[in-house]
Amino acid sequence: MKLQPLIVSGLVCLLLGAGVVGYRNRDRWAADPVPAKPAGNHAGHVHDENGNHIESGDQHARSDRVKLSPQAQANLKLDVDTIEPRAYWRSLLIPGIVVDRPGESDRTITAKLAGVVLAITAKPGDSVRAGDTLFKLQVVSEFVQSAQNDLAKAVQELAIATAKRERTAGLVALGTTPAANLIDDDANIKRFTTQTQALRRQLQVFGLTAAQLDAAERGKPVTEVAVTATGEAGQVYEVQDLKIQLGESVQAGQALGTLANHQKLYVEGRAFKAEASALAETAQAKAPVRAEFTDEPPGVWPVQGPLTIHHLSNQVDPTTRTFAFYLPLDNQPRTYEQDGRTHFVWRYRPGQRVRLHVPVEKLGDSVYVLPAGSVVREGADAYMFVQNGDLFMRKPVRVLAEDRREVVLPDDGTLSPAMFVVKNQAAAINRALKAGGSGGHKGHAH
């Protein structure tokens, strides 16, 4: 019976030891064997810039890659493609404006003689060709009227001199008149012929046609002349404005209106004097300049090719402290018919604003040029993503240059033409990556 106290004492010691061990490991015993769901069931979910839902994939994926479902990829409208290195120039962004090309775009129509405006046959907006009638003037010029009378008189004198020579030539043939008499008759014919030709050329300068000159020779003076469009044969011009009215008296040399042809224009850039040397080198190298027309909706017209600098102005504007440089621009028209006339709708118009990307420094012959949305920054680090099936792997990259449209990366082995590079939504994919690598409610990002 003495063994019972010993047994009881042993059991007590055993229970005390178990209690001490249990107390020291109380955190393990209290842990929930099944992980609890984050509040709101938002684990591993992110949204892109447009609010589209993205599945971040496996929460235990590596920190440099993320898995996106096909639905998430479709929501993001990912642009994935291979890339090729190419030469690239660092560019200056310079403002510009579309202007007329002096001496080619506009033509002023002037009156060649004094007269009164009887008719205006072409209105602003109408399309005309060289030789088409624009105005009709009633002749009031005393010089033109006198020249027509002199022309008719000279033609009559020439006819009389010609008839006299024919009679003299007949008498010479009969032997009754010496041949020397023909010399005087030939001189008279030559004199009146020269006078007639000179008067016709003078009247042509005043706008009289060949048919009108023939009528004036017959003694029917012209009282009305047409003012026609001038320019290259077959070239189409647009009546830009009128400077006279019906019934108005005009003088020789007075402007009647303006014709415009916007087929050939200039883009005028405005740069500071400090940029003159770089622009001169660009012009000499005929480096391509990309022009971005701000008021033009995309997809309506074909893509405008690169431009080249034609010349630089040697004058600085004292107000803006800038100087101009010019790039030739070939315009593109569309036409439509109305009221029997052809009307033009030009792609580029004088006054239209332009942004010029002028290359000034070559960054390399073999670099990668990608859209700005293909790179995301975290502090001093920059990353982009490469696709492999449903996995998108993040790669750190070095940025040589960037602007709001594109980013330039070196060909240093980080990327290769065999990779399928994501060219947009890098920020959204990076948020999915960060959400996938965090636990609990942190997996939800906007």
Protein backbone atom coordinates (compact mmCIF):
# COMPACT_ATOMS: atom_id res chain seq x y z
CA MET A 1 0.00 0.00 0.00
CA LYS A 2 3.00 2.24 0.36
CA LEU A 3 3.34 2.21 -3.45
CA GLN A 4 0.15 4.25 -3.96
CA PRO A 5 1.67 7.59 -2.75
CA LEU A 6 4.61 7.04 -5.08
CA ILE A 7 2.31 6.39 -8.05
CA VAL A 8 0.23 9.45 -7.30
CA SER A 9 3.36 11.58 -7.00
CA GLY A 10 4.61 10.31 -10.38
CA LEU A 11 1.33 11.06 -12.11
CA VAL A 12 1.32 14.56 -10.68
CA CYS A 13 4.84 15.20 -11.95
CA LEU A 14 3.91 13.87 -15.40
CA LEU A 15 0.87 16.13 -15.65
CA LEU A 16 2.89 19.15 -14.53
CA GLY A 17 5.52 18.45 -17.20
CA ALA A 18 2.90 18.07 -19.89
CA GLY A 19 1.38 21.35 -18.83
CA VAL A 20 4.69 23.18 -19.07
CA VAL A 21 5.36 21.79 -22.56
CA GLY A 22 1.85 22.66 -23.67
CA TYR A 23 2.17 26.21 -22.38
CA ARG A 24 5.46 26.78 -24.21
CA ASN A 25 3.94 25.53 -27.51
CA ARG A 26 0.58 27.16 -27.10
CA ASP A 27 0.92 29.07 -30.51
CA ARG A 28 1.14 25.81 -32.41
CA TRP A 29 -1.83 24.28 -30.63
CA ALA A 30 -3.93 27.42 -31.20
CA ALA A 31 -3.22 27.68 -35.00
CA ASP A 32 -6.05 27.00 -37.39
CA PRO A 33 -5.15 23.95 -39.53
CA VAL A 34 -7.15 25.46 -42.55
CA PRO A 35 -6.02 28.97 -43.76
CA ALA A 36 -8.83 31.49 -43.52
CA LYS A 37 -10.00 33.35 -46.68
CA PRO A 38 -9.14 37.02 -46.79
CA ALA A 39 -11.96 39.36 -46.00
CA GLY A 40 -14.21 40.06 -48.92
CA ASN A 41 -12.77 37.14 -50.93
CA HIS A 42 -10.49 39.57 -52.88
CA ALA A 43 -7.26 37.60 -52.75
CA GLY A 44 -5.21 37.70 -55.92
CA HIS A 45 -7.45 40.12 -57.85
CA VAL A 46 -6.31 43.32 -59.59
CA HIS A 47 -7.74 45.78 -62.06
CA ASP A 48 -6.15 47.55 -65.01
CA GLU A 49 -6.37 51.25 -65.86
CA ASN A 50 -9.86 50.72 -67.34
CA GLY A 51 -11.20 48.79 -64.34
CA ASN A 52 -10.97 45.40 -66.09
CA HIS A 53 -10.69 42.39 -63.73
CA ILE A 54 -7.39 40.45 -63.80
CA GLU A 55 -6.75 37.03 -62.29
CA SER A 56 -3.33 37.10 -60.72
CA GLY A 57 -2.86 33.34 -60.89
CA ASP A 58 -1.12 31.17 -58.34
CA GLN A 59 -0.43 33.00 -55.09
CA HIS A 60 2.71 30.97 -54.66
CA ALA A 61 4.20 31.88 -58.10
CA ARG A 62 7.67 33.31 -58.28
CA SER A 63 7.99 37.05 -57.67
CA ASP A 64 9.17 37.78 -61.24
CA ARG A 65 6.30 36.20 -63.14
CA VAL A 66 2.52 36.19 -63.14
CA LYS A 67 -0.10 34.00 -64.79
CA LEU A 68 -2.97 35.70 -66.59
CA SER A 69 -6.07 33.88 -67.74
CA PRO A 70 -7.15 34.17 -71.39
CA GLN A 71 -10.07 36.32 -70.24
CA ALA A 72 -7.73 38.69 -68.43
CA GLN A 73 -5.48 38.94 -71.48
CA ALA A 74 -8.50 39.74 -73.65
CA ASN A 75 -9.69 42.39 -71.18
CA LEU A 76 -6.31 44.10 -71.29
CA LYS A 77 -6.16 43.92 -75.11
CA LEU A 78 -2.51 42.98 -74.88
CA ASP A 79 -0.25 43.77 -77.83
CA VAL A 80 2.37 41.02 -77.89
CA ASP A 81 4.87 40.61 -80.69
CA THR A 82 8.52 40.04 -81.48
CA ILE A 83 10.86 43.00 -81.77
CA GLU A 84 13.79 43.93 -83.96
CA PRO A 85 16.64 46.32 -83.17
CA ARG A 86 17.12 49.34 -85.39
CA ALA A 87 18.89 52.69 -85.56
CA TYR A 88 17.40 55.49 -83.48
CA TRP A 89 17.91 59.24 -83.15
CA ARG A 90 17.06 61.29 -80.08
CA SER A 91 14.53 63.91 -81.14
CA LEU A 92 13.59 67.44 -80.18
CA LEU A 93 9.87 68.20 -79.96
CA ILE A 94 9.36 71.51 -81.79
CA PRO A 95 6.02 73.21 -82.52
CA GLY A 96 5.11 74.06 -86.11
CA ILE A 97 2.33 75.22 -88.38
CA VAL A 98 1.26 74.50 -91.96
CA VAL A 99 1.84 77.51 -94.24
CA ASP A 100 1.54 78.28 -97.95
CA ARG A 101 4.61 77.82 -100.09
CA PRO A 102 5.51 81.32 -101.37
CA GLY A 103 5.47 81.64 -105.14
CA GLU A 104 3.59 78.36 -105.65
CA SER A 105 0.47 78.16 -103.52
CA ASP A 106 -1.30 81.50 -104.22
CA ARG A 107 -1.73 83.52 -107.42
CA THR A 108 -3.18 87.03 -107.60
CA ILE A 109 -5.38 87.77 -110.62
CA THR A 110 -5.02 91.36 -111.85
CA ALA A 111 -6.79 93.50 -114.44
CA LYS A 112 -4.70 94.02 -117.58
CA LEU A 113 -6.61 97.13 -118.66
CA ALA A 114 -8.94 99.75 -117.26
CA GLY A 115 -12.56 98.67 -117.31
CA VAL A 116 -15.82 98.08 -115.49
CA VAL A 117 -16.67 94.69 -113.96
CA LEU A 118 -19.55 93.23 -115.96
CA ALA A 119 -19.58 89.66 -114.63
CA ILE A 120 -17.95 87.45 -112.01
CA THR A 121 -18.09 83.88 -113.29
CA ALA A 122 -16.16 82.14 -110.48
CA LYS A 123 -16.93 82.49 -106.79
CA PRO A 124 -14.82 81.66 -103.71
CA GLY A 125 -14.60 77.89 -103.30
CA ASP A 126 -14.99 77.15 -107.02
CA SER A 127 -12.33 75.11 -108.75
CA VAL A 128 -10.89 76.43 -112.01
CA ARG A 129 -8.16 75.48 -114.45
CA ALA A 130 -5.69 77.65 -116.31
CA GLY A 131 -7.57 79.43 -119.11
CA ASP A 132 -11.01 79.37 -117.46
CA THR A 133 -12.87 82.69 -117.41
CA LEU A 134 -13.05 84.39 -114.03
CA PHE A 135 -14.27 87.95 -114.80
CA LYS A 136 -15.61 89.99 -117.72
CA LEU A 137 -14.62 93.64 -118.07
CA GLN A 138 -16.07 96.39 -120.25
CA VAL A 139 -13.18 98.16 -121.95
CA VAL A 140 -12.86 101.85 -121.02
CA SER A 141 -9.15 102.22 -121.71
CA GLU A 142 -8.56 104.92 -124.34
CA PHE A 143 -5.22 103.37 -125.22
CA VAL A 144 -6.80 99.99 -126.05
CA GLN A 145 -9.51 101.64 -128.13
CA SER A 146 -6.94 103.72 -130.00
CA ALA A 147 -4.73 100.68 -130.58
CA GLN A 148 -7.64 98.78 -132.10
CA ASN A 149 -8.31 101.68 -134.50
CA ASP A 150 -4.63 101.81 -135.44
CA LEU A 151 -4.66 98.05 -136.03
CA ALA A 152 -7.62 98.29 -138.40
CA LYS A 153 -5.94 101.19 -140.25
CA ALA A 154 -2.62 99.34 -140.53
CA VAL A 155 -4.35 96.29 -141.96
CA GLN A 156 -6.08 98.44 -144.58
CA GLU A 157 -2.79 100.15 -145.52
CA LEU A 158 -1.16 96.72 -145.80
CA ALA A 159 -3.90 95.53 -148.15
CA ILE A 160 -3.47 98.66 -150.34
CA ALA A 161 0.33 98.26 -150.41
CA THR A 162 -0.01 94.59 -151.32
CA ALA A 163 -2.41 95.36 -154.19
CA LYS A 164 -0.10 98.10 -155.50
CA ARG A 165 2.87 95.74 -155.52
CA GLU A 166 0.90 93.16 -157.47
CA ARG A 167 0.09 95.76 -160.16
CA THR A 168 3.71 96.88 -160.31
CA ALA A 169 4.86 93.30 -160.59
CA GLY A 170 2.50 92.82 -163.56
CA LEU A 171 3.88 95.87 -165.34
CA VAL A 172 7.43 94.72 -164.72
CA ALA A 173 6.53 91.40 -166.25
CA LEU A 174 5.24 93.20 -169.37
CA GLY A 175 8.44 95.28 -169.55
CA THR A 176 6.68 98.63 -169.32
CA THR A 177 7.94 99.42 -165.78
CA PRO A 178 11.48 99.04 -164.44
CA ALA A 179 11.96 96.36 -161.75
CA ALA A 180 13.41 98.96 -159.36
CA ASN A 181 9.85 100.16 -158.66
CA LEU A 182 9.20 96.91 -156.75
CA ILE A 183 11.69 97.92 -154.07
CA ASP A 184 9.50 100.76 -152.79
CA ASP A 185 6.39 98.57 -152.85
CA ASP A 186 8.15 95.78 -150.89
CA ALA A 187 9.33 98.31 -148.29
CA ASN A 188 5.78 99.58 -147.78
CA ILE A 189 4.46 96.03 -147.36
CA LYS A 190 7.14 95.21 -144.82
CA ARG A 191 6.46 98.44 -142.87
CA PHE A 192 2.71 97.85 -142.60
CA THR A 193 3.21 94.16 -141.78
CA THR A 194 5.53 95.05 -138.91
CA GLN A 195 3.08 97.67 -137.64
CA THR A 196 0.20 95.18 -137.74
CA GLN A 197 2.13 92.54 -135.82
CA ALA A 198 3.25 95.04 -133.18
CA LEU A 199 -0.30 96.26 -132.58
CA ARG A 200 -1.59 92.68 -132.25
CA ARG A 201 1.08 91.87 -129.64
CA GLN A 202 0.21 95.01 -127.69
CA LEU A 203 -3.47 94.15 -127.62
CA GLN A 204 -2.71 90.56 -126.62
CA VAL A 205 -0.99 91.93 -123.53
CA PHE A 206 -4.28 93.60 -122.57
CA GLY A 207 -6.11 90.28 -122.72
CA LEU A 208 -7.63 90.26 -126.21
CA THR A 209 -7.91 86.81 -127.77
CA ALA A 210 -6.90 85.87 -131.31
CA ALA A 211 -10.56 85.93 -132.40
CA GLN A 212 -11.02 89.42 -130.92
CA LEU A 213 -7.87 90.67 -132.66
CA ASP A 214 -9.18 89.34 -135.98
CA ALA A 215 -12.42 91.21 -135.38
CA ALA A 216 -10.50 94.41 -134.56
CA GLU A 217 -8.57 94.07 -137.84
CA ARG A 218 -11.91 93.99 -139.68
CA GLY A 219 -12.91 97.27 -138.02
CA LYS A 220 -15.03 95.77 -135.23
CA PRO A 221 -13.41 97.05 -132.02
CA VAL A 222 -13.73 94.87 -128.91
CA THR A 223 -15.69 96.43 -126.03
CA GLU A 224 -15.57 93.47 -123.61
CA VAL A 225 -12.65 91.27 -122.51
CA ALA A 226 -12.45 88.18 -120.31
CA VAL A 227 -9.99 87.78 -117.44
CA THR A 228 -8.85 84.15 -117.27
CA ALA A 229 -7.05 82.01 -114.71
CA THR A 230 -3.32 81.79 -115.13
CA GLY A 231 -1.02 78.94 -114.10
CA GLU A 232 0.29 75.59 -115.23
CA ALA A 233 -1.69 73.84 -117.93
CA GLY A 234 -4.05 71.25 -116.45
CA GLN A 235 -3.44 72.41 -112.87
CA VAL A 236 -6.56 72.89 -110.76
CA TYR A 237 -6.87 76.03 -108.63
CA GLU A 238 -9.42 77.16 -106.08
CA VAL A 239 -10.84 80.68 -106.00
CA GLN A 240 -9.75 81.80 -102.56
CA ASP A 241 -11.20 85.32 -102.43
CA LEU A 242 -12.55 88.23 -104.48
CA LYS A 243 -11.33 91.79 -104.19
CA ILE A 244 -13.89 93.54 -106.45
CA GLN A 245 -17.66 93.78 -106.91
CA LEU A 246 -19.99 93.90 -109.89
CA GLY A 247 -20.09 97.30 -111.55
CA GLU A 248 -16.83 98.44 -109.95
CA SER A 249 -14.33 100.39 -112.06
CA VAL A 250 -10.85 98.89 -112.03
CA GLN A 251 -7.51 100.12 -113.27
CA ALA A 252 -4.78 98.28 -115.09
CA GLY A 253 -2.78 96.23 -112.57
CA GLN A 254 -5.51 96.24 -109.91
CA ALA A 255 -5.99 92.94 -108.00
CA LEU A 256 -9.30 91.24 -108.77
CA GLY A 257 -8.98 88.05 -106.71
CA THR A 258 -6.70 85.25 -105.51
CA LEU A 259 -6.35 81.69 -106.73
CA ALA A 260 -4.92 79.04 -104.42
CA ASN A 261 -3.44 75.63 -105.01
CA HIS A 262 -2.60 73.81 -101.79
CA GLN A 263 -0.92 70.85 -103.45
CA LYS A 264 2.50 72.00 -102.25
CA LEU A 265 2.85 73.51 -98.77
CA TYR A 266 5.45 74.06 -96.09
CA VAL A 267 5.54 73.04 -92.44
CA GLU A 268 7.07 75.98 -90.61
CA GLY A 269 8.83 75.05 -87.38
CA ARG A 270 9.84 77.58 -84.71
CA ALA A 271 13.07 76.85 -82.81
CA PHE A 272 15.36 78.76 -80.48
CA LYS A 273 18.72 80.09 -81.60
CA ALA A 274 20.54 77.56 -79.38
CA GLU A 275 19.05 74.75 -81.50
CA ALA A 276 20.23 76.20 -84.82
CA SER A 277 23.44 74.13 -85.03
CA ALA A 278 21.62 70.84 -84.41
CA LEU A 279 18.93 71.72 -86.97
CA ALA A 280 21.57 72.67 -89.55
CA GLU A 281 23.24 69.27 -89.11
CA THR A 282 19.86 67.55 -89.43
CA ALA A 283 19.14 69.46 -92.65
CA GLN A 284 22.56 68.66 -94.09
CA ALA A 285 22.19 64.94 -93.27
CA LYS A 286 18.63 64.95 -94.69
CA ALA A 287 17.56 63.09 -91.56
CA PRO A 288 13.85 62.17 -91.52
CA VAL A 289 11.62 64.36 -89.35
CA ARG A 290 8.36 62.89 -88.02
CA ALA A 291 5.41 65.29 -88.19
CA GLU A 292 2.45 64.85 -85.85
CA PHE A 293 -0.65 66.76 -86.99
CA THR A 294 -2.63 67.55 -83.87
CA ASP A 295 -6.07 68.13 -85.42
CA GLU A 296 -6.11 65.02 -87.60
CA PRO A 297 -8.15 61.98 -86.46
CA PRO A 298 -6.26 58.69 -86.91
CA GLY A 299 -7.23 56.31 -89.68
CA VAL A 300 -8.93 58.87 -91.94
CA TRP A 301 -5.88 59.49 -94.15
CA PRO A 302 -2.82 57.37 -94.99
CA VAL A 303 0.11 57.62 -92.61
CA GLN A 304 2.24 60.65 -93.42
CA GLY A 305 5.82 59.73 -94.23
CA PRO A 306 8.85 61.49 -92.75
CA LEU A 307 9.75 65.01 -93.88
CA THR A 308 13.13 66.67 -94.40
CA ILE A 309 14.27 70.20 -93.60
CA HIS A 310 14.56 72.36 -96.74
CA HIS A 311 16.10 75.51 -95.31
CA LEU A 312 16.49 77.56 -92.14
CA SER A 313 15.58 81.22 -91.80
CA ASN A 314 18.40 83.60 -90.93
CA GLN A 315 16.18 85.99 -88.99
CA VAL A 316 15.14 85.76 -85.34
CA ASP A 317 11.73 87.02 -84.30
CA PRO A 318 12.39 89.74 -81.69
CA THR A 319 9.13 88.94 -79.86
CA THR A 320 9.34 85.14 -79.53
CA ARG A 321 13.15 84.93 -79.87
CA THR A 322 12.71 82.02 -82.28
CA PHE A 323 13.63 81.48 -85.90
CA ALA A 324 11.77 79.55 -88.58
CA PHE A 325 12.77 76.48 -90.55
CA TYR A 326 10.78 74.90 -93.36
CA LEU A 327 9.91 71.37 -94.45
CA PRO A 328 8.20 70.74 -97.85
CA LEU A 329 4.82 69.03 -97.51
CA ASP A 330 2.87 67.43 -100.37
CA ASN A 331 -0.87 67.73 -99.78
CA GLN A 332 -3.58 65.17 -100.53
CA PRO A 333 -7.07 66.15 -101.79
CA ARG A 334 -10.51 64.63 -101.90
CA THR A 335 -13.11 65.94 -104.34
CA TYR A 336 -16.87 66.09 -104.67
CA GLU A 337 -19.22 67.47 -107.33
CA GLN A 338 -21.83 70.14 -106.69
CA ASP A 339 -23.68 72.40 -109.12
CA GLY A 340 -21.57 71.12 -111.98
CA ARG A 341 -18.30 72.16 -110.33
CA THR A 342 -15.57 70.16 -108.65
CA HIS A 343 -14.76 71.09 -105.05
CA PHE A 344 -11.65 70.08 -103.15
CA VAL A 345 -11.22 68.99 -99.55
CA TRP A 346 -7.52 69.13 -98.67
CA ARG A 347 -5.94 67.01 -95.98
CA TYR A 348 -3.64 69.78 -94.78
CA ARG A 349 -4.66 73.42 -94.51
CA PRO A 350 -2.63 76.55 -93.82
CA GLY A 351 -2.84 77.37 -90.13
CA GLN A 352 -3.00 73.72 -89.00
CA ARG A 353 -0.84 72.99 -85.94
CA VAL A 354 1.99 70.44 -86.10
CA ARG A 355 4.39 68.81 -83.63
CA LEU A 356 7.77 68.05 -85.17
CA HIS A 357 10.06 65.33 -83.83
CA VAL A 358 13.42 66.52 -85.13
CA PRO A 359 16.32 64.02 -84.77
CA VAL A 360 19.40 65.66 -83.24
CA GLU A 361 21.46 62.82 -81.69
CA LYS A 362 21.97 59.23 -82.80
CA LEU A 363 21.64 56.87 -79.81
CA GLY A 364 22.78 53.79 -81.70
CA ASP A 365 22.47 51.64 -84.79
CA SER A 366 20.97 48.70 -82.87
CA VAL A 367 18.45 49.58 -80.16
CA TYR A 368 14.89 48.54 -79.37
CA VAL A 369 12.19 51.17 -79.80
CA LEU A 370 8.91 50.29 -78.08
CA PRO A 371 5.70 52.07 -77.07
CA ALA A 372 5.86 53.89 -73.75
CA GLY A 373 3.24 51.54 -72.26
CA SER A 374 5.60 48.57 -72.56
CA VAL A 375 7.73 49.73 -69.60
CA VAL A 376 6.73 50.29 -65.98
CA ARG A 377 8.88 52.05 -63.39
CA GLU A 378 9.31 51.37 -59.70
CA GLY A 379 11.54 54.05 -58.30
CA ALA A 380 14.84 53.92 -60.15
CA ASP A 381 14.07 50.51 -61.69
CA ALA A 382 12.33 49.89 -65.00
CA TYR A 383 10.67 46.64 -66.07
CA MET A 384 8.98 45.09 -69.07
CA PHE A 385 7.21 41.77 -69.58
CA VAL A 386 7.84 38.80 -71.89
CA GLN A 387 5.06 36.29 -72.59
CA ASN A 388 5.47 32.51 -72.44
CA GLY A 389 2.04 30.95 -72.80
CA ASP A 390 -0.11 32.19 -69.91
CA LEU A 391 2.97 33.27 -67.95
CA PHE A 392 4.29 36.82 -68.13
CA MET A 393 7.84 37.21 -66.89
CA ARG A 394 9.16 40.53 -65.70
CA LYS A 395 12.57 41.65 -66.93
CA PRO A 396 14.56 44.61 -65.60
CA VAL A 397 15.72 46.87 -68.43
CA ARG A 398 17.88 49.95 -68.90
CA VAL A 399 16.18 52.93 -70.54
CA LEU A 400 18.26 55.03 -72.93
CA ALA A 401 15.57 57.60 -73.72
CA GLU A 402 11.82 57.99 -73.43
CA ASP A 403 8.98 60.37 -74.07
CA ARG A 404 5.22 60.19 -73.89
CA ARG A 405 5.03 58.00 -77.01
CA GLU A 406 8.00 55.63 -77.00
CA VAL A 407 10.87 54.23 -74.99
CA VAL A 408 14.35 53.22 -76.22
CA LEU A 409 16.17 50.19 -74.77
CA PRO A 410 19.73 49.03 -75.51
CA ASP A 411 20.53 45.78 -77.30
CA ASP A 412 22.54 44.46 -74.33
CA GLY A 413 21.31 40.86 -74.25
CA THR A 414 18.33 41.44 -71.97
CA LEU A 415 15.97 41.22 -74.94
CA SER A 416 16.23 39.31 -78.19
CA PRO A 417 14.21 39.16 -81.43
CA ALA A 418 13.00 35.65 -80.44
CA MET A 419 11.09 36.95 -77.41
CA PHE A 420 7.39 37.81 -77.44
CA VAL A 421 7.40 41.20 -75.77
CA VAL A 422 4.30 42.86 -74.28
CA LYS A 423 4.03 46.33 -75.82
CA ASN A 424 1.29 47.77 -73.60
CA GLN A 425 -0.36 47.49 -70.18
CA ALA A 426 2.96 46.92 -68.39
CA ALA A 427 1.69 48.84 -65.35
CA ALA A 428 -1.46 46.67 -65.08
CA ILE A 429 0.51 43.42 -65.38
CA ASN A 430 2.98 44.66 -62.77
CA ARG A 431 0.12 45.31 -60.35
CA ALA A 432 -1.12 41.77 -60.98
CA LEU A 433 2.38 40.47 -60.24
CA LYS A 434 2.61 42.39 -56.97
CA ALA A 435 -0.88 41.34 -55.92
CA GLY A 436 -0.12 37.71 -56.66
CA GLY A 437 2.98 37.80 -54.47
CA SER A 438 1.26 39.30 -51.40
CA GLY A 439 -1.06 37.62 -48.94
CA GLY A 440 -4.41 38.49 -47.53
CA HIS A 441 -6.32 41.51 -48.63
CA LYS A 442 -3.24 43.12 -50.20
CA GLY A 443 -3.90 41.10 -53.34
CA HIS A 444 -6.53 43.63 -54.43
CA ALA A 445 -5.21 46.66 -56.28
CA HIS A 446 -6.57 49.46 -58.44
